[in-house]
Amino acid sequence: MVTSSLPVVLPDSGVTDYARYMRTDELLRLQKEPEQWAHPDELLFQIAHQSTELWLKLTRSHLSRALAHLGAGQPAAAELLIDRAAEALRLITEHLRILRSLPPAHFAVIRRTLGNGSGFESPGWRLLRVATTELDIAYSRLLSSLRITVVDVYRGQSSDPLYRLAEALVELDERIALWRVEHYSVATRVIGHGVRGTGGTPVDSLPALIGHRRFPTLWEARTAATRAGSSGMCPREERR
């Protein structure tokens, strides 16, 4: 193994500056030790969920910064941060796939160690719900201050910062829905249908959440555009 010959200069504990900055000693102690495992696959289960919480922490930070930019009337700056948040959600959705390899018999052993813990208690997802509600309100307020509606935005140019921001919010919303699809798929693969999750929630109730929208006005504007097109009127003619 190649090690640096440079002296350690950062404060805190750890044998290297990498360990001190990344706090790897603390991070790697956050999982159960082998002698504590009900089954060796507990490490897989715990790391998958802990890493999700870290990505959601980053997502919440980006959305908080985006909210500040929206409040300052800076949609382009907000868009970049929302794009990053959507990418983080894509990553946690993809790494859910590794849980598909968890045999049902193994998880049946692991779930007995979870108490009444449930993914619905995730602090990351709870804060994400708060953040998206705040963003939805802030975007509406920004449009109101400019005396325009979401339909006006979508009738405009796709290069408009307000249009691009709307699309970034839609992408974020879609990433949340896609995570829910994957979560439901993994849950049924591991524990089946007609059963309850660790928090007592019926697995078959999860699909109802997939269609829930965090930015409903943006989706309604699409419906309005489709109906206007079906009536044979282009959007700009409808405004006259």
Protein backbone atom coordinates (compact mmCIF):
# COMPACT_ATOMS: atom_id res chain seq x y z
CA MET A 1 0.00 0.00 0.00
CA VAL A 2 1.34 3.45 -0.92
CA THR A 3 1.36 5.90 1.98
CA SER A 4 2.19 9.60 1.98
CA SER A 5 5.51 10.73 3.40
CA LEU A 6 4.06 14.12 4.23
CA PRO A 7 3.38 14.92 7.89
CA VAL A 8 -0.16 14.86 9.31
CA VAL A 9 -1.23 18.47 9.83
CA LEU A 10 -5.00 18.44 10.40
CA PRO A 11 -6.41 18.44 13.95
CA ASP A 12 -8.52 15.61 15.41
CA SER A 13 -7.74 11.91 15.63
CA GLY A 14 -6.64 9.60 12.81
CA VAL A 15 -3.29 8.40 11.53
CA THR A 16 -3.55 10.34 8.24
CA ASP A 17 -5.00 13.64 7.13
CA TYR A 18 -7.40 11.67 4.92
CA ALA A 19 -8.69 9.78 7.97
CA ARG A 20 -8.97 13.01 9.94
CA TYR A 21 -10.78 14.98 7.24
CA MET A 22 -13.12 12.14 6.21
CA ARG A 23 -13.49 10.94 9.82
CA THR A 24 -13.17 7.40 8.54
CA ASP A 25 -12.51 5.89 11.97
CA GLU A 26 -15.88 7.17 13.22
CA LEU A 27 -17.67 6.42 9.95
CA LEU A 28 -16.57 2.79 9.83
CA ARG A 29 -17.60 2.24 13.44
CA LEU A 30 -21.23 3.11 12.66
CA GLN A 31 -22.02 -0.41 11.45
CA LYS A 32 -22.50 -3.47 13.63
CA GLU A 33 -19.45 -5.62 14.30
CA PRO A 34 -19.48 -9.20 12.95
CA GLU A 35 -20.13 -10.65 16.39
CA GLN A 36 -23.30 -8.52 16.60
CA TRP A 37 -24.80 -9.66 13.29
CA ALA A 38 -27.94 -11.76 13.32
CA HIS A 39 -26.83 -12.62 9.76
CA PRO A 40 -23.77 -11.49 7.73
CA ASP A 41 -26.10 -9.71 5.25
CA GLU A 42 -26.86 -7.17 7.99
CA LEU A 43 -23.79 -5.27 6.82
CA LEU A 44 -25.27 -4.96 3.32
CA PHE A 45 -28.64 -3.86 4.69
CA GLN A 46 -27.18 -1.31 7.10
CA ILE A 47 -24.69 0.25 4.68
CA ALA A 48 -27.31 0.57 1.93
CA HIS A 49 -29.58 2.53 4.26
CA GLN A 50 -26.86 4.57 5.97
CA SER A 51 -25.43 5.68 2.62
CA THR A 52 -28.93 6.67 1.53
CA GLU A 53 -29.21 8.94 4.57
CA LEU A 54 -25.90 10.58 3.65
CA TRP A 55 -27.03 11.28 0.09
CA LEU A 56 -30.34 12.62 1.40
CA LYS A 57 -28.42 14.90 3.76
CA LEU A 58 -26.58 16.30 0.73
CA THR A 59 -29.87 16.59 -1.18
CA ARG A 60 -31.44 18.57 1.65
CA SER A 61 -28.43 20.90 1.74
CA HIS A 62 -28.67 21.57 -2.01
CA LEU A 63 -32.41 22.20 -1.83
CA SER A 64 -31.97 24.61 1.10
CA ARG A 65 -29.44 26.57 -0.94
CA ALA A 66 -31.74 26.49 -3.96
CA LEU A 67 -34.54 27.87 -1.78
CA ALA A 68 -32.33 30.81 -0.79
CA HIS A 69 -31.59 31.54 -4.45
CA LEU A 70 -35.29 31.42 -5.27
CA GLY A 71 -35.97 33.91 -2.50
CA ALA A 72 -33.35 36.19 -4.03
CA GLY A 73 -34.91 35.90 -7.50
CA GLN A 74 -32.04 33.79 -8.91
CA PRO A 75 -33.72 30.88 -10.75
CA ALA A 76 -30.63 29.86 -12.73
CA ALA A 77 -28.56 29.37 -9.58
CA ALA A 78 -31.42 27.41 -7.99
CA GLU A 79 -31.70 25.20 -11.07
CA LEU A 80 -28.09 23.98 -10.82
CA LEU A 81 -28.55 22.90 -7.21
CA ILE A 82 -31.86 21.18 -7.89
CA ASP A 83 -30.21 19.28 -10.77
CA ARG A 84 -27.57 18.04 -8.32
CA ALA A 85 -30.24 16.97 -5.86
CA ALA A 86 -32.04 15.01 -8.59
CA GLU A 87 -28.76 13.30 -9.49
CA ALA A 88 -28.27 12.28 -5.85
CA LEU A 89 -31.74 10.72 -5.90
CA ARG A 90 -30.81 8.83 -9.06
CA LEU A 91 -27.77 7.40 -7.28
CA ILE A 92 -29.69 6.20 -4.22
CA THR A 93 -32.31 4.64 -6.50
CA GLU A 94 -29.62 2.72 -8.38
CA HIS A 95 -27.92 1.43 -5.27
CA LEU A 96 -31.25 0.10 -3.98
CA ARG A 97 -30.82 -2.59 -6.63
CA ILE A 98 -28.16 -4.34 -4.57
CA LEU A 99 -30.85 -5.22 -2.03
CA ARG A 100 -32.51 -7.36 -4.71
CA SER A 101 -29.76 -9.90 -4.01
CA LEU A 102 -30.88 -10.24 -0.37
CA PRO A 103 -32.53 -13.66 -0.03
CA PRO A 104 -35.95 -13.56 1.69
CA ALA A 105 -34.81 -16.11 4.26
CA HIS A 106 -31.83 -13.93 5.21
CA PHE A 107 -33.96 -10.81 5.57
CA ALA A 108 -36.45 -12.72 7.71
CA VAL A 109 -33.59 -13.19 10.19
CA ILE A 110 -32.40 -9.57 9.90
CA ARG A 111 -35.83 -7.97 10.31
CA ARG A 112 -36.15 -9.46 13.80
CA THR A 113 -33.30 -7.14 14.88
CA LEU A 114 -34.97 -3.98 13.51
CA GLY A 115 -37.57 -3.55 16.24
CA ASN A 116 -40.37 -1.34 14.98
CA GLY A 117 -38.02 0.63 12.75
CA SER A 118 -39.42 1.67 9.38
CA GLY A 119 -38.20 3.55 6.34
CA PHE A 120 -41.08 5.96 6.95
CA GLU A 121 -39.04 7.19 9.96
CA SER A 122 -36.10 8.18 7.74
CA PRO A 123 -34.96 11.70 8.71
CA GLY A 124 -33.61 12.20 5.20
CA TRP A 125 -36.94 11.53 3.50
CA ARG A 126 -38.83 13.56 6.10
CA LEU A 127 -36.61 16.59 5.45
CA LEU A 128 -36.87 16.05 1.69
CA ARG A 129 -40.66 16.28 1.93
CA VAL A 130 -40.32 19.55 3.85
CA ALA A 131 -37.80 20.91 1.34
CA THR A 132 -39.94 20.14 -1.70
CA THR A 133 -42.98 21.76 -0.08
CA GLU A 134 -40.90 24.89 0.60
CA LEU A 135 -39.62 24.94 -2.98
CA ASP A 136 -43.12 24.55 -4.39
CA ILE A 137 -44.30 27.54 -2.36
CA ALA A 138 -41.22 29.61 -3.23
CA TYR A 139 -41.58 28.97 -6.97
CA SER A 140 -45.24 29.98 -6.87
CA ARG A 141 -44.36 33.15 -4.98
CA LEU A 142 -41.66 34.02 -7.51
CA LEU A 143 -44.11 33.68 -10.40
CA SER A 144 -46.74 35.66 -8.51
CA SER A 145 -44.26 38.49 -7.94
CA LEU A 146 -43.67 38.57 -11.71
CA ARG A 147 -47.43 38.43 -12.38
CA ILE A 148 -47.20 35.26 -14.46
CA THR A 149 -48.51 31.71 -14.07
CA VAL A 150 -46.96 28.30 -14.63
CA VAL A 151 -48.96 28.01 -17.85
CA ASP A 152 -47.37 31.29 -19.00
CA VAL A 153 -43.94 29.84 -18.26
CA TYR A 154 -44.64 26.73 -20.34
CA ARG A 155 -45.97 28.85 -23.18
CA GLY A 156 -42.63 30.64 -23.27
CA GLN A 157 -39.19 29.63 -24.47
CA SER A 158 -37.55 26.49 -23.08
CA SER A 159 -34.35 28.51 -22.63
CA ASP A 160 -36.06 30.86 -20.15
CA PRO A 161 -34.54 30.42 -16.65
CA LEU A 162 -38.02 30.07 -15.16
CA TYR A 163 -38.87 27.33 -17.67
CA ARG A 164 -35.59 25.53 -16.98
CA LEU A 165 -36.19 25.79 -13.24
CA ALA A 166 -39.68 24.34 -13.64
CA GLU A 167 -38.21 21.41 -15.56
CA ALA A 168 -35.55 20.88 -12.87
CA LEU A 169 -38.31 20.68 -10.26
CA VAL A 170 -40.25 18.21 -12.41
CA GLU A 171 -37.10 16.09 -12.78
CA LEU A 172 -36.65 16.12 -9.01
CA ASP A 173 -40.27 15.07 -8.54
CA GLU A 174 -39.87 12.29 -11.09
CA ARG A 175 -36.72 11.03 -9.34
CA ILE A 176 -38.69 10.74 -6.09
CA ALA A 177 -41.38 8.74 -7.89
CA LEU A 178 -38.79 6.48 -9.54
CA TRP A 179 -37.22 5.78 -6.15
CA ARG A 180 -40.65 4.77 -4.87
CA VAL A 181 -41.11 2.42 -7.82
CA GLU A 182 -37.76 0.78 -7.14
CA HIS A 183 -38.41 0.63 -3.40
CA TYR A 184 -41.72 -1.14 -3.97
CA SER A 185 -40.13 -3.53 -6.44
CA VAL A 186 -37.29 -4.41 -4.03
CA ALA A 187 -39.67 -4.76 -1.08
CA THR A 188 -41.93 -7.22 -2.87
CA ARG A 189 -38.96 -9.16 -4.18
CA VAL A 190 -37.51 -9.56 -0.69
CA ILE A 191 -40.63 -9.99 1.48
CA GLY A 192 -43.43 -10.63 -1.02
CA HIS A 193 -47.03 -9.40 -1.32
CA GLY A 194 -49.77 -9.35 1.28
CA VAL A 195 -47.39 -8.81 4.19
CA ARG A 196 -46.43 -5.87 6.38
CA GLY A 197 -43.11 -4.08 6.50
CA THR A 198 -41.06 -3.63 9.66
CA GLY A 199 -43.09 -0.57 10.70
CA GLY A 200 -46.40 -2.38 10.21
CA THR A 201 -47.15 -0.73 6.85
CA PRO A 202 -48.68 -3.11 4.28
CA VAL A 203 -46.27 -3.56 1.38
CA ASP A 204 -49.16 -3.40 -1.06
CA SER A 205 -49.95 0.15 0.09
CA LEU A 206 -46.67 1.47 -1.35
CA PRO A 207 -47.86 1.84 -4.98
CA ALA A 208 -50.36 4.50 -3.87
CA LEU A 209 -47.39 6.78 -3.06
CA ILE A 210 -45.88 6.51 -6.54
CA GLY A 211 -48.41 8.87 -8.13
CA HIS A 212 -48.08 11.52 -5.41
CA ARG A 213 -46.61 14.75 -6.78
CA ARG A 214 -44.49 17.21 -4.80
CA PHE A 215 -45.01 19.98 -7.40
CA PRO A 216 -48.61 19.44 -8.53
CA THR A 217 -49.02 22.79 -10.29
CA LEU A 218 -46.20 21.96 -12.71
CA TRP A 219 -47.87 18.70 -13.66
CA GLU A 220 -51.28 20.38 -13.97
CA ALA A 221 -49.77 22.84 -16.46
CA ARG A 222 -48.84 19.88 -18.67
CA THR A 223 -52.42 18.63 -18.50
CA ALA A 224 -53.68 22.08 -19.47
CA ALA A 225 -51.31 22.19 -22.45
CA THR A 226 -52.44 18.75 -23.61
CA ARG A 227 -56.12 19.67 -23.36
CA ALA A 228 -55.51 22.91 -25.23
CA GLY A 229 -53.74 20.97 -27.98
CA SER A 230 -56.56 18.42 -28.16
CA SER A 231 -59.07 21.24 -28.70
CA GLY A 232 -57.22 22.27 -31.84
CA MET A 233 -56.04 25.56 -30.37
CA CYS A 234 -52.40 26.42 -29.94
CA PRO A 235 -51.60 27.87 -26.47
CA ARG A 236 -50.96 31.39 -27.73
CA GLU A 237 -54.27 31.48 -29.62
CA GLU A 238 -56.05 30.42 -26.44
CA ARG A 239 -54.71 33.47 -24.63
CA ARG A 240 -56.35 35.96 -27.01
